[in-house]
């Protein structure tokens, strides 16, 4: 998991092509695919006895770094630290289903 975190940190610090704060759909799609890949790697390294706190911590780092990259002004939900770990995990897993808008060919 350490390697995935190092790569995600590198990606969050690198400069992606931006057009006045608006991400190109291809760039956004690539970032979301990377997020999903790292989340899948995290799931593959989990065992049945992996504590839920560890699952949340790993997914939170990946998802929050991705959101911050996509939306520089993004802030974590204000109620985040009052939620149960089960609810946090549910919300983080929901983001694995996120996709970019369909590109219309002209």
PDB file of N, CA and C in Angstrom:
ATOM      1  N   UNK A   1       0.818  -1.193   0.000  1.00  0.00           N
ATOM      2  CA  UNK A   1       0.000   0.000   0.000  1.00  0.00           C
ATOM      3  C   UNK A   1       0.863   1.259   0.000  1.00  0.00           C
ATOM      4  N   UNK A   2       2.059   1.181   0.533  1.00  0.00           N
ATOM      5  CA  UNK A   2       2.945   2.340   0.605  1.00  0.00           C
ATOM      6  C   UNK A   2       3.274   2.849  -0.800  1.00  0.00           C
ATOM      7  N   UNK A   3       3.522   1.934  -1.745  1.00  0.00           N
ATOM      8  CA  UNK A   3       3.861   2.348  -3.099  1.00  0.00           C
ATOM      9  C   UNK A   3       2.694   3.111  -3.739  1.00  0.00           C
ATOM     10  N   UNK A   4       1.502   2.641  -3.516  1.00  0.00           N
ATOM     11  CA  UNK A   4       0.326   3.308  -4.084  1.00  0.00           C
ATOM     12  C   UNK A   4       0.202   4.712  -3.511  1.00  0.00           C
ATOM     13  N   UNK A   5       0.454   4.856  -2.223  1.00  0.00           N
ATOM     14  CA  UNK A   5       0.342   6.173  -1.594  1.00  0.00           C
ATOM     15  C   UNK A   5       1.412   7.117  -2.132  1.00  0.00           C
ATOM     16  N   UNK A   6       2.629   6.622  -2.330  1.00  0.00           N
ATOM     17  CA  UNK A   6       3.707   7.451  -2.872  1.00  0.00           C
ATOM     18  C   UNK A   6       3.334   7.935  -4.267  1.00  0.00           C
ATOM     19  N   UNK A   7       2.813   7.047  -5.100  1.00  0.00           N
ATOM     20  CA  UNK A   7       2.427   7.433  -6.456  1.00  0.00           C
ATOM     21  C   UNK A   7       1.278   8.434  -6.436  1.00  0.00           C
ATOM     22  N   UNK A   8       0.275   8.219  -5.579  1.00  0.00           N
ATOM     23  CA  UNK A   8      -0.844   9.149  -5.490  1.00  0.00           C
ATOM     24  C   UNK A   8      -0.359  10.508  -5.008  1.00  0.00           C
ATOM     25  N   UNK A   9       0.589  10.525  -4.074  1.00  0.00           N
ATOM     26  CA  UNK A   9       1.139  11.787  -3.589  1.00  0.00           C
ATOM     27  C   UNK A   9       1.850  12.508  -4.728  1.00  0.00           C
ATOM     28  N   UNK A  10       2.607  11.758  -5.511  1.00  0.00           N
ATOM     29  CA  UNK A  10       3.293  12.350  -6.660  1.00  0.00           C
ATOM     30  C   UNK A  10       2.278  12.954  -7.634  1.00  0.00           C
ATOM     31  N   UNK A  11       1.216  12.215  -7.907  1.00  0.00           N
ATOM     32  CA  UNK A  11       0.210  12.709  -8.841  1.00  0.00           C
ATOM     33  C   UNK A  11      -0.473  13.958  -8.302  1.00  0.00           C
ATOM     34  N   UNK A  12      -0.713  14.006  -7.005  1.00  0.00           N
ATOM     35  CA  UNK A  12      -1.394  15.168  -6.443  1.00  0.00           C
ATOM     36  C   UNK A  12      -0.495  16.392  -6.464  1.00  0.00           C
ATOM     37  N   UNK A  13       0.829  16.193  -6.489  1.00  0.00           N
ATOM     38  CA  UNK A  13       1.748  17.323  -6.516  1.00  0.00           C
ATOM     39  C   UNK A  13       2.161  17.706  -7.929  1.00  0.00           C
ATOM     40  N   UNK A  14       1.921  16.810  -8.890  1.00  0.00           N
ATOM     41  CA  UNK A  14       2.324  17.117 -10.262  1.00  0.00           C
ATOM     42  C   UNK A  14       1.331  18.095 -10.881  1.00  0.00           C
ATOM     43  N   UNK A  15       1.741  18.720 -11.940  1.00  0.00           N
ATOM     44  CA  UNK A  15       0.842  19.674 -12.588  1.00  0.00           C
ATOM     45  C   UNK A  15       0.184  19.006 -13.779  1.00  0.00           C
ATOM     46  N   UNK A  16      -1.115  18.918 -13.738  1.00  0.00           N
ATOM     47  CA  UNK A  16      -1.879  18.368 -14.845  1.00  0.00           C
ATOM     48  C   UNK A  16      -2.333  19.546 -15.718  1.00  0.00           C
ATOM     49  N   UNK A  17      -2.597  19.289 -17.006  1.00  0.00           N
ATOM     50  CA  UNK A  17      -3.042  20.382 -17.871  1.00  0.00           C
ATOM     51  C   UNK A  17      -4.384  20.932 -17.408  1.00  0.00           C
ATOM     52  N   UNK A  18      -4.383  22.189 -17.039  1.00  0.00           N
ATOM     53  CA  UNK A  18      -5.603  22.845 -16.587  1.00  0.00           C
ATOM     54  C   UNK A  18      -5.895  24.021 -17.505  1.00  0.00           C
ATOM     55  N   UNK A  19      -7.154  24.305 -17.705  1.00  0.00           N
ATOM     56  CA  UNK A  19      -7.547  25.476 -18.475  1.00  0.00           C
ATOM     57  C   UNK A  19      -8.340  26.387 -17.547  1.00  0.00           C
ATOM     58  N   UNK A  20      -7.652  27.304 -16.917  1.00  0.00           N
ATOM     59  CA  UNK A  20      -8.271  28.237 -15.974  1.00  0.00           C
ATOM     60  C   UNK A  20      -9.104  27.534 -14.919  1.00  0.00           C
ATOM     61  N   UNK A  21      -8.539  26.494 -14.328  1.00  0.00           N
ATOM     62  CA  UNK A  21      -9.203  25.793 -13.241  1.00  0.00           C
ATOM     63  C   UNK A  21     -10.166  24.705 -13.684  1.00  0.00           C
ATOM     64  N   UNK A  22     -10.374  24.542 -14.975  1.00  0.00           N
ATOM     65  CA  UNK A  22     -11.303  23.519 -15.462  1.00  0.00           C
ATOM     66  C   UNK A  22     -10.490  22.366 -16.029  1.00  0.00           C
ATOM     67  N   UNK A  23     -10.718  21.190 -15.514  1.00  0.00           N
ATOM     68  CA  UNK A  23      -9.990  20.015 -16.001  1.00  0.00           C
ATOM     69  C   UNK A  23     -10.567  19.538 -17.324  1.00  0.00           C
ATOM     70  N   UNK A  24      -9.707  19.164 -18.206  1.00  0.00           N
ATOM     71  CA  UNK A  24     -10.087  18.523 -19.449  1.00  0.00           C
ATOM     72  C   UNK A  24     -10.769  17.193 -19.088  1.00  0.00           C
ATOM     73  N   UNK A  25     -11.801  16.804 -19.813  1.00  0.00           N
ATOM     74  CA  UNK A  25     -12.514  15.562 -19.495  1.00  0.00           C
ATOM     75  C   UNK A  25     -11.607  14.345 -19.561  1.00  0.00           C
ATOM     76  N   UNK A  26     -10.660  14.335 -20.501  1.00  0.00           N
ATOM     77  CA  UNK A  26      -9.733  13.206 -20.591  1.00  0.00           C
ATOM     78  C   UNK A  26      -8.855  13.124 -19.355  1.00  0.00           C
ATOM     79  N   UNK A  27      -8.381  14.263 -18.888  1.00  0.00           N
ATOM     80  CA  UNK A  27      -7.551  14.296 -17.683  1.00  0.00           C
ATOM     81  C   UNK A  27      -8.368  13.841 -16.487  1.00  0.00           C
ATOM     82  N   UNK A  28      -9.592  14.343 -16.374  1.00  0.00           N
ATOM     83  CA  UNK A  28     -10.457  13.965 -15.261  1.00  0.00           C
ATOM     84  C   UNK A  28     -10.739  12.461 -15.288  1.00  0.00           C
ATOM     85  N   UNK A  29     -10.996  11.938 -16.463  1.00  0.00           N
ATOM     86  CA  UNK A  29     -11.257  10.509 -16.599  1.00  0.00           C
ATOM     87  C   UNK A  29     -10.032   9.699 -16.181  1.00  0.00           C
ATOM     88  N   UNK A  30      -8.846  10.131 -16.592  1.00  0.00           N
ATOM     89  CA  UNK A  30      -7.616   9.425 -16.218  1.00  0.00           C
ATOM     90  C   UNK A  30      -7.376   9.464 -14.711  1.00  0.00           C
ATOM     91  N   UNK A  31      -7.632  10.599 -14.091  1.00  0.00           N
ATOM     92  CA  UNK A  31      -7.445  10.718 -12.643  1.00  0.00           C
ATOM     93  C   UNK A  31      -8.413   9.791 -11.914  1.00  0.00           C
ATOM     94  N   UNK A  32      -9.665   9.756 -12.359  1.00  0.00           N
ATOM     95  CA  UNK A  32     -10.652   8.869 -11.719  1.00  0.00           C
ATOM     96  C   UNK A  32     -10.280   7.395 -11.915  1.00  0.00           C
ATOM     97  N   UNK A  33      -9.759   7.057 -13.090  1.00  0.00           N
ATOM     98  CA  UNK A  33      -9.326   5.673 -13.329  1.00  0.00           C
ATOM     99  C   UNK A  33      -8.176   5.299 -12.403  1.00  0.00           C
ATOM    100  N   UNK A  34      -7.242   6.229 -12.201  1.00  0.00           N
ATOM    101  CA  UNK A  34      -6.141   5.973 -11.272  1.00  0.00           C
ATOM    102  C   UNK A  34      -6.661   5.779  -9.852  1.00  0.00           C
ATOM    103  N   UNK A  35      -7.603   6.626  -9.452  1.00  0.00           N
ATOM    104  CA  UNK A  35      -8.187   6.491  -8.116  1.00  0.00           C
ATOM    105  C   UNK A  35      -8.800   5.100  -7.950  1.00  0.00           C
ATOM    106  N   UNK A  36      -9.565   4.686  -8.938  1.00  0.00           N
ATOM    107  CA  UNK A  36     -10.215   3.376  -8.866  1.00  0.00           C
ATOM    108  C   UNK A  36      -9.193   2.241  -8.835  1.00  0.00           C
ATOM    109  N   UNK A  37      -8.112   2.412  -9.578  1.00  0.00           N
ATOM    110  CA  UNK A  37      -7.054   1.400  -9.590  1.00  0.00           C
ATOM    111  C   UNK A  37      -6.420   1.282  -8.214  1.00  0.00           C
ATOM    112  N   UNK A  38      -6.086   2.420  -7.602  1.00  0.00           N
ATOM    113  CA  UNK A  38      -5.478   2.380  -6.273  1.00  0.00           C
ATOM    114  C   UNK A  38      -6.441   1.836  -5.222  1.00  0.00           C
ATOM    115  N   UNK A  39      -7.722   2.138  -5.360  1.00  0.00           N
ATOM    116  CA  UNK A  39      -8.699   1.579  -4.429  1.00  0.00           C
ATOM    117  C   UNK A  39      -8.786   0.061  -4.599  1.00  0.00           C
ATOM    118  N   UNK A  40      -8.709  -0.407  -5.834  1.00  0.00           N
ATOM    119  CA  UNK A  40      -8.739  -1.855  -6.092  1.00  0.00           C
ATOM    120  C   UNK A  40      -7.489  -2.528  -5.524  1.00  0.00           C
ATOM    121  N   UNK A  41      -6.326  -1.868  -5.657  1.00  0.00           N
ATOM    122  CA  UNK A  41      -5.094  -2.419  -5.067  1.00  0.00           C
ATOM    123  C   UNK A  41      -5.257  -2.546  -3.564  1.00  0.00           C
ATOM    124  N   UNK A  42      -5.828  -1.530  -2.947  1.00  0.00           N
ATOM    125  CA  UNK A  42      -6.056  -1.576  -1.507  1.00  0.00           C
ATOM    126  C   UNK A  42      -6.949  -2.737  -1.112  1.00  0.00           C
ATOM    127  N   UNK A  43      -7.992  -2.984  -1.900  1.00  0.00           N
ATOM    128  CA  UNK A  43      -8.889  -4.107  -1.599  1.00  0.00           C
ATOM    129  C   UNK A  43      -8.171  -5.446  -1.740  1.00  0.00           C
ATOM    130  N   UNK A  44      -7.276  -5.535  -2.725  1.00  0.00           N
ATOM    131  CA  UNK A  44      -6.547  -6.794  -2.938  1.00  0.00           C
ATOM    132  C   UNK A  44      -5.593  -7.089  -1.786  1.00  0.00           C
ATOM    133  N   UNK A  45      -5.108  -6.061  -1.121  1.00  0.00           N
ATOM    134  CA  UNK A  45      -4.158  -6.266  -0.031  1.00  0.00           C
ATOM    135  C   UNK A  45      -4.852  -6.486   1.311  1.00  0.00           C
ATOM    136  N   UNK A  46      -6.166  -6.295   1.350  1.00  0.00           N
ATOM    137  CA  UNK A  46      -6.914  -6.493   2.589  1.00  0.00           C
ATOM    138  C   UNK A  46      -7.122  -7.980   2.853  1.00  0.00           C
ATOM    139  N   UNK A  47      -7.240  -8.292   4.121  1.00  0.00           N
ATOM    140  CA  UNK A  47      -7.606  -9.646   4.525  1.00  0.00           C
ATOM    141  C   UNK A  47      -8.943  -9.570   5.251  1.00  0.00           C
ATOM    142  N   UNK A  48      -9.485 -10.726   5.593  1.00  0.00           N
ATOM    143  CA  UNK A  48     -10.767 -10.747   6.302  1.00  0.00           C
ATOM    144  C   UNK A  48     -10.687 -10.057   7.662  1.00  0.00           C
ATOM    145  N   UNK A  49      -9.504 -10.059   8.257  1.00  0.00           N
ATOM    146  CA  UNK A  49      -9.374  -9.456   9.584  1.00  0.00           C
ATOM    147  C   UNK A  49      -8.771  -8.044   9.551  1.00  0.00           C
ATOM    148  N   UNK A  50      -8.750  -7.409   8.381  1.00  0.00           N
ATOM    149  CA  UNK A  50      -8.284  -6.021   8.292  1.00  0.00           C
ATOM    150  C   UNK A  50      -9.297  -5.138   9.016  1.00  0.00           C
ATOM    151  N   UNK A  51      -8.842  -4.359   9.991  1.00  0.00           N
ATOM    152  CA  UNK A  51      -9.772  -3.490  10.730  1.00  0.00           C
ATOM    153  C   UNK A  51     -10.417  -2.454   9.815  1.00  0.00           C
ATOM    154  N   UNK A  52     -11.659  -2.128  10.089  1.00  0.00           N
ATOM    155  CA  UNK A  52     -12.388  -1.159   9.266  1.00  0.00           C
ATOM    156  C   UNK A  52     -11.704   0.207   9.313  1.00  0.00           C
ATOM    157  N   UNK A  53     -11.067   0.529  10.438  1.00  0.00           N
ATOM    158  CA  UNK A  53     -10.366   1.813  10.553  1.00  0.00           C
ATOM    159  C   UNK A  53      -9.242   1.908   9.516  1.00  0.00           C
ATOM    160  N   UNK A  54      -8.546   0.808   9.299  1.00  0.00           N
ATOM    161  CA  UNK A  54      -7.460   0.774   8.316  1.00  0.00           C
ATOM    162  C   UNK A  54      -8.005   0.907   6.895  1.00  0.00           C
ATOM    163  N   UNK A  55      -9.129   0.245   6.625  1.00  0.00           N
ATOM    164  CA  UNK A  55      -9.757   0.344   5.304  1.00  0.00           C
ATOM    165  C   UNK A  55     -10.167   1.786   5.022  1.00  0.00           C
ATOM    166  N   UNK A  56     -10.787   2.418   6.025  1.00  0.00           N
ATOM    167  CA  UNK A  56     -11.229   3.803   5.865  1.00  0.00           C
ATOM    168  C   UNK A  56     -10.032   4.723   5.657  1.00  0.00           C
ATOM    169  N   UNK A  57      -8.995   4.551   6.454  1.00  0.00           N
ATOM    170  CA  UNK A  57      -7.816   5.413   6.368  1.00  0.00           C
ATOM    171  C   UNK A  57      -7.188   5.347   4.982  1.00  0.00           C
ATOM    172  N   UNK A  58      -7.034   4.150   4.427  1.00  0.00           N
ATOM    173  CA  UNK A  58      -6.438   3.991   3.096  1.00  0.00           C
ATOM    174  C   UNK A  58      -7.310   4.643   2.023  1.00  0.00           C
ATOM    175  N   UNK A  59      -8.593   4.297   2.016  1.00  0.00           N
ATOM    176  CA  UNK A  59      -9.489   4.839   0.996  1.00  0.00           C
ATOM    177  C   UNK A  59      -9.620   6.359   1.117  1.00  0.00           C
ATOM    178  N   UNK A  60      -9.664   6.842   2.344  1.00  0.00           N
ATOM    179  CA  UNK A  60      -9.790   8.281   2.573  1.00  0.00           C
ATOM    180  C   UNK A  60      -8.608   9.032   1.959  1.00  0.00           C
ATOM    181  N   UNK A  61      -7.401   8.528   2.147  1.00  0.00           N
ATOM    182  CA  UNK A  61      -6.220   9.198   1.576  1.00  0.00           C
ATOM    183  C   UNK A  61      -6.323   9.267   0.056  1.00  0.00           C
ATOM    184  N   UNK A  62      -6.705   8.163  -0.568  1.00  0.00           N
ATOM    185  CA  UNK A  62      -6.786   8.111  -2.030  1.00  0.00           C
ATOM    186  C   UNK A  62      -7.897   9.030  -2.540  1.00  0.00           C
ATOM    187  N   UNK A  63      -9.082   8.892  -1.984  1.00  0.00           N
ATOM    188  CA  UNK A  63     -10.235   9.656  -2.458  1.00  0.00           C
ATOM    189  C   UNK A  63     -10.059  11.147  -2.191  1.00  0.00           C
ATOM    190  N   UNK A  64      -9.618  11.513  -1.002  1.00  0.00           N
ATOM    191  CA  UNK A  64      -9.467  12.929  -0.682  1.00  0.00           C
ATOM    192  C   UNK A  64      -8.387  13.584  -1.540  1.00  0.00           C
ATOM    193  N   UNK A  65      -7.282  12.872  -1.806  1.00  0.00           N
ATOM    194  CA  UNK A  65      -6.234  13.416  -2.676  1.00  0.00           C
ATOM    195  C   UNK A  65      -6.772  13.599  -4.096  1.00  0.00           C
ATOM    196  N   UNK A  66      -7.577  12.654  -4.544  1.00  0.00           N
ATOM    197  CA  UNK A  66      -8.170  12.741  -5.887  1.00  0.00           C
ATOM    198  C   UNK A  66      -9.122  13.921  -5.979  1.00  0.00           C
ATOM    199  N   UNK A  67      -9.984  14.067  -4.977  1.00  0.00           N
ATOM    200  CA  UNK A  67     -10.943  15.171  -4.989  1.00  0.00           C
ATOM    201  C   UNK A  67     -10.222  16.519  -4.975  1.00  0.00           C
ATOM    202  N   UNK A  68      -9.172  16.602  -4.179  1.00  0.00           N
ATOM    203  CA  UNK A  68      -8.405  17.848  -4.095  1.00  0.00           C
ATOM    204  C   UNK A  68      -7.731  18.159  -5.433  1.00  0.00           C
ATOM    205  N   UNK A  69      -7.303  17.133  -6.152  1.00  0.00           N
ATOM    206  CA  UNK A  69      -6.683  17.329  -7.464  1.00  0.00           C
ATOM    207  C   UNK A  69      -7.718  17.787  -8.493  1.00  0.00           C
ATOM    208  N   UNK A  70      -8.894  17.183  -8.448  1.00  0.00           N
ATOM    209  CA  UNK A  70      -9.947  17.526  -9.407  1.00  0.00           C
ATOM    210  C   UNK A  70     -10.572  18.881  -9.115  1.00  0.00           C
ATOM    211  N   UNK A  71     -10.737  19.190  -7.827  1.00  0.00           N
ATOM    212  CA  UNK A  71     -11.388  20.435  -7.405  1.00  0.00           C
ATOM    213  C   UNK A  71     -10.499  21.080  -6.345  1.00  0.00           C
ATOM    214  N   UNK A  72      -9.594  21.974  -6.746  1.00  0.00           N
ATOM    215  CA  UNK A  72      -8.637  22.533  -5.792  1.00  0.00           C
ATOM    216  C   UNK A  72      -9.256  23.144  -4.535  1.00  0.00           C
ATOM    217  N   UNK A  73     -10.463  23.689  -4.624  1.00  0.00           N
ATOM    218  CA  UNK A  73     -11.115  24.289  -3.449  1.00  0.00           C
ATOM    219  C   UNK A  73     -11.878  23.265  -2.612  1.00  0.00           C
ATOM    220  N   UNK A  74     -11.833  21.991  -3.001  1.00  0.00           N
ATOM    221  CA  UNK A  74     -12.593  20.947  -2.326  1.00  0.00           C
ATOM    222  C   UNK A  74     -12.183  20.825  -0.866  1.00  0.00           C
ATOM    223  N   UNK A  75     -13.170  20.620  -0.026  1.00  0.00           N
ATOM    224  CA  UNK A  75     -12.939  20.384   1.401  1.00  0.00           C
ATOM    225  C   UNK A  75     -13.693  19.114   1.780  1.00  0.00           C
ATOM    226  N   UNK A  76     -13.144  18.382   2.726  1.00  0.00           N
ATOM    227  CA  UNK A  76     -13.840  17.171   3.166  1.00  0.00           C
ATOM    228  C   UNK A  76     -15.165  17.557   3.820  1.00  0.00           C
ATOM    229  N   UNK A  77     -16.116  16.635   3.848  1.00  0.00           N
ATOM    230  CA  UNK A  77     -17.419  16.943   4.440  1.00  0.00           C
ATOM    231  C   UNK A  77     -17.245  17.423   5.886  1.00  0.00           C
ATOM    232  N   UNK A  78     -17.986  18.459   6.279  1.00  0.00           N
ATOM    233  CA  UNK A  78     -17.817  19.012   7.627  1.00  0.00           C
ATOM    234  C   UNK A  78     -18.148  18.019   8.743  1.00  0.00           C
ATOM    235  N   UNK A  79     -18.992  17.057   8.458  1.00  0.00           N
ATOM    236  CA  UNK A  79     -19.382  16.085   9.482  1.00  0.00           C
ATOM    237  C   UNK A  79     -18.529  14.817   9.444  1.00  0.00           C
ATOM    238  N   UNK A  80     -17.448  14.818   8.681  1.00  0.00           N
ATOM    239  CA  UNK A  80     -16.671  13.604   8.443  1.00  0.00           C
ATOM    240  C   UNK A  80     -16.247  12.915   9.733  1.00  0.00           C
ATOM    241  N   UNK A  81     -15.750  13.674  10.695  1.00  0.00           N
ATOM    242  CA  UNK A  81     -15.219  13.057  11.910  1.00  0.00           C
ATOM    243  C   UNK A  81     -16.307  12.653  12.907  1.00  0.00           C
ATOM    244  N   UNK A  82     -17.552  12.991  12.615  1.00  0.00           N
ATOM    245  CA  UNK A  82     -18.642  12.540  13.484  1.00  0.00           C
ATOM    246  C   UNK A  82     -19.303  11.273  12.952  1.00  0.00           C
ATOM    247  N   UNK A  83     -18.960  10.887  11.722  1.00  0.00           N
ATOM    248  CA  UNK A  83     -19.558   9.698  11.117  1.00  0.00           C
ATOM    249  C   UNK A  83     -18.911   8.426  11.667  1.00  0.00           C
ATOM    250  N   UNK A  84     -19.672   7.352  11.651  1.00  0.00           N
ATOM    251  CA  UNK A  84     -19.115   6.058  12.042  1.00  0.00           C
ATOM    252  C   UNK A  84     -18.191   5.574  10.923  1.00  0.00           C
ATOM    253  N   UNK A  85     -17.280   4.683  11.260  1.00  0.00           N
ATOM    254  CA  UNK A  85     -16.383   4.131  10.238  1.00  0.00           C
ATOM    255  C   UNK A  85     -17.153   3.372   9.170  1.00  0.00           C
ATOM    256  N   UNK A  86     -18.248   2.738   9.557  1.00  0.00           N
ATOM    257  CA  UNK A  86     -19.066   2.013   8.587  1.00  0.00           C
ATOM    258  C   UNK A  86     -19.656   2.973   7.552  1.00  0.00           C
ATOM    259  N   UNK A  87     -20.138   4.137   8.019  1.00  0.00           N
ATOM    260  CA  UNK A  87     -20.715   5.129   7.109  1.00  0.00           C
ATOM    261  C   UNK A  87     -19.626   5.741   6.228  1.00  0.00           C
ATOM    262  N   UNK A  88     -18.468   6.021   6.803  1.00  0.00           N
ATOM    263  CA  UNK A  88     -17.355   6.554   6.010  1.00  0.00           C
ATOM    264  C   UNK A  88     -16.977   5.574   4.897  1.00  0.00           C
ATOM    265  N   UNK A  89     -16.860   4.298   5.257  1.00  0.00           N
ATOM    266  CA  UNK A  89     -16.493   3.281   4.283  1.00  0.00           C
ATOM    267  C   UNK A  89     -17.549   3.174   3.193  1.00  0.00           C
ATOM    268  N   UNK A  90     -18.804   3.237   3.575  1.00  0.00           N
ATOM    269  CA  UNK A  90     -19.888   3.170   2.598  1.00  0.00           C
ATOM    270  C   UNK A  90     -19.785   4.328   1.597  1.00  0.00           C
ATOM    271  N   UNK A  91     -19.546   5.522   2.104  1.00  0.00           N
ATOM    272  CA  UNK A  91     -19.433   6.694   1.226  1.00  0.00           C
ATOM    273  C   UNK A  91     -18.206   6.604   0.325  1.00  0.00           C
ATOM    274  N   UNK A  92     -17.095   6.152   0.882  1.00  0.00           N
ATOM    275  CA  UNK A  92     -15.870   6.048   0.087  1.00  0.00           C
ATOM    276  C   UNK A  92     -16.006   4.985  -0.995  1.00  0.00           C
ATOM    277  N   UNK A  93     -16.658   3.874  -0.673  1.00  0.00           N
ATOM    278  CA  UNK A  93     -16.857   2.815  -1.675  1.00  0.00           C
ATOM    279  C   UNK A  93     -17.812   3.262  -2.776  1.00  0.00           C
ATOM    280  N   UNK A  94     -18.756   4.140  -2.437  1.00  0.00           N
ATOM    281  CA  UNK A  94     -19.681   4.652  -3.441  1.00  0.00           C
ATOM    282  C   UNK A  94     -18.926   5.407  -4.540  1.00  0.00           C
ATOM    283  N   UNK A  95     -17.859   6.084  -4.162  1.00  0.00           N
ATOM    284  CA  UNK A  95     -17.093   6.868  -5.139  1.00  0.00           C
ATOM    285  C   UNK A  95     -16.388   6.005  -6.173  1.00  0.00           C
ATOM    286  N   UNK A  96     -16.278   4.710  -5.915  1.00  0.00           N
ATOM    287  CA  UNK A  96     -15.675   3.822  -6.920  1.00  0.00           C
ATOM    288  C   UNK A  96     -16.568   3.715  -8.151  1.00  0.00           C
ATOM    289  N   UNK A  97     -17.820   4.086  -8.016  1.00  0.00           N
ATOM    290  CA  UNK A  97     -18.768   3.994  -9.125  1.00  0.00           C
ATOM    291  C   UNK A  97     -18.853   5.293  -9.921  1.00  0.00           C
ATOM    292  N   UNK A  98     -18.136   6.320  -9.485  1.00  0.00           N
ATOM    293  CA  UNK A  98     -18.174   7.618 -10.148  1.00  0.00           C
ATOM    294  C   UNK A  98     -17.542   7.517 -11.528  1.00  0.00           C
ATOM    295  N   UNK A  99     -18.127   8.199 -12.486  1.00  0.00           N
ATOM    296  CA  UNK A  99     -17.542   8.230 -13.825  1.00  0.00           C
ATOM    297  C   UNK A  99     -17.627   9.647 -14.369  1.00  0.00           C
ATOM    298  N   UNK A 100     -16.880   9.909 -15.416  1.00  0.00           N
ATOM    299  CA  UNK A 100     -16.900  11.229 -16.036  1.00  0.00           C
ATOM    300  C   UNK A 100     -18.107  11.329 -16.955  1.00  0.00           C
ATOM    301  N   UNK A 101     -18.518  12.551 -17.254  1.00  0.00           N
ATOM    302  CA  UNK A 101     -19.642  12.721 -18.176  1.00  0.00           C
ATOM    303  C   UNK A 101     -19.317  12.132 -19.548  1.00  0.00           C
ATOM    304  N   UNK A 102     -20.336  11.702 -20.241  1.00  0.00           N
ATOM    305  CA  UNK A 102     -20.162  11.134 -21.590  1.00  0.00           C
ATOM    306  C   UNK A 102     -19.740  12.246 -22.538  1.00  0.00           C
ATOM    307  N   UNK A 103     -18.729  11.953 -23.326  1.00  0.00           N
ATOM    308  CA  UNK A 103     -18.254  12.941 -24.306  1.00  0.00           C
ATOM    309  C   UNK A 103     -19.080  12.806 -25.564  1.00  0.00           C
ATOM    310  N   UNK A 104     -19.627  13.912 -26.028  1.00  0.00           N
ATOM    311  CA  UNK A 104     -20.423  13.904 -27.249  1.00  0.00           C
ATOM    312  C   UNK A 104     -19.525  14.236 -28.424  1.00  0.00           C
ATOM    313  N   UNK A 105     -19.495  13.348 -29.381  1.00  0.00           N
ATOM    314  CA  UNK A 105     -18.706  13.572 -30.595  1.00  0.00           C
ATOM    315  C   UNK A 105     -19.476  14.482 -31.517  1.00  0.00           C
ATOM    316  N   UNK A 106     -18.785  15.435 -32.075  1.00  0.00           N
ATOM    317  CA  UNK A 106     -19.456  16.369 -33.007  1.00  0.00           C
ATOM    318  C   UNK A 106     -19.054  16.109 -34.415  1.00  0.00           C
TER     319      UNK A 106
END
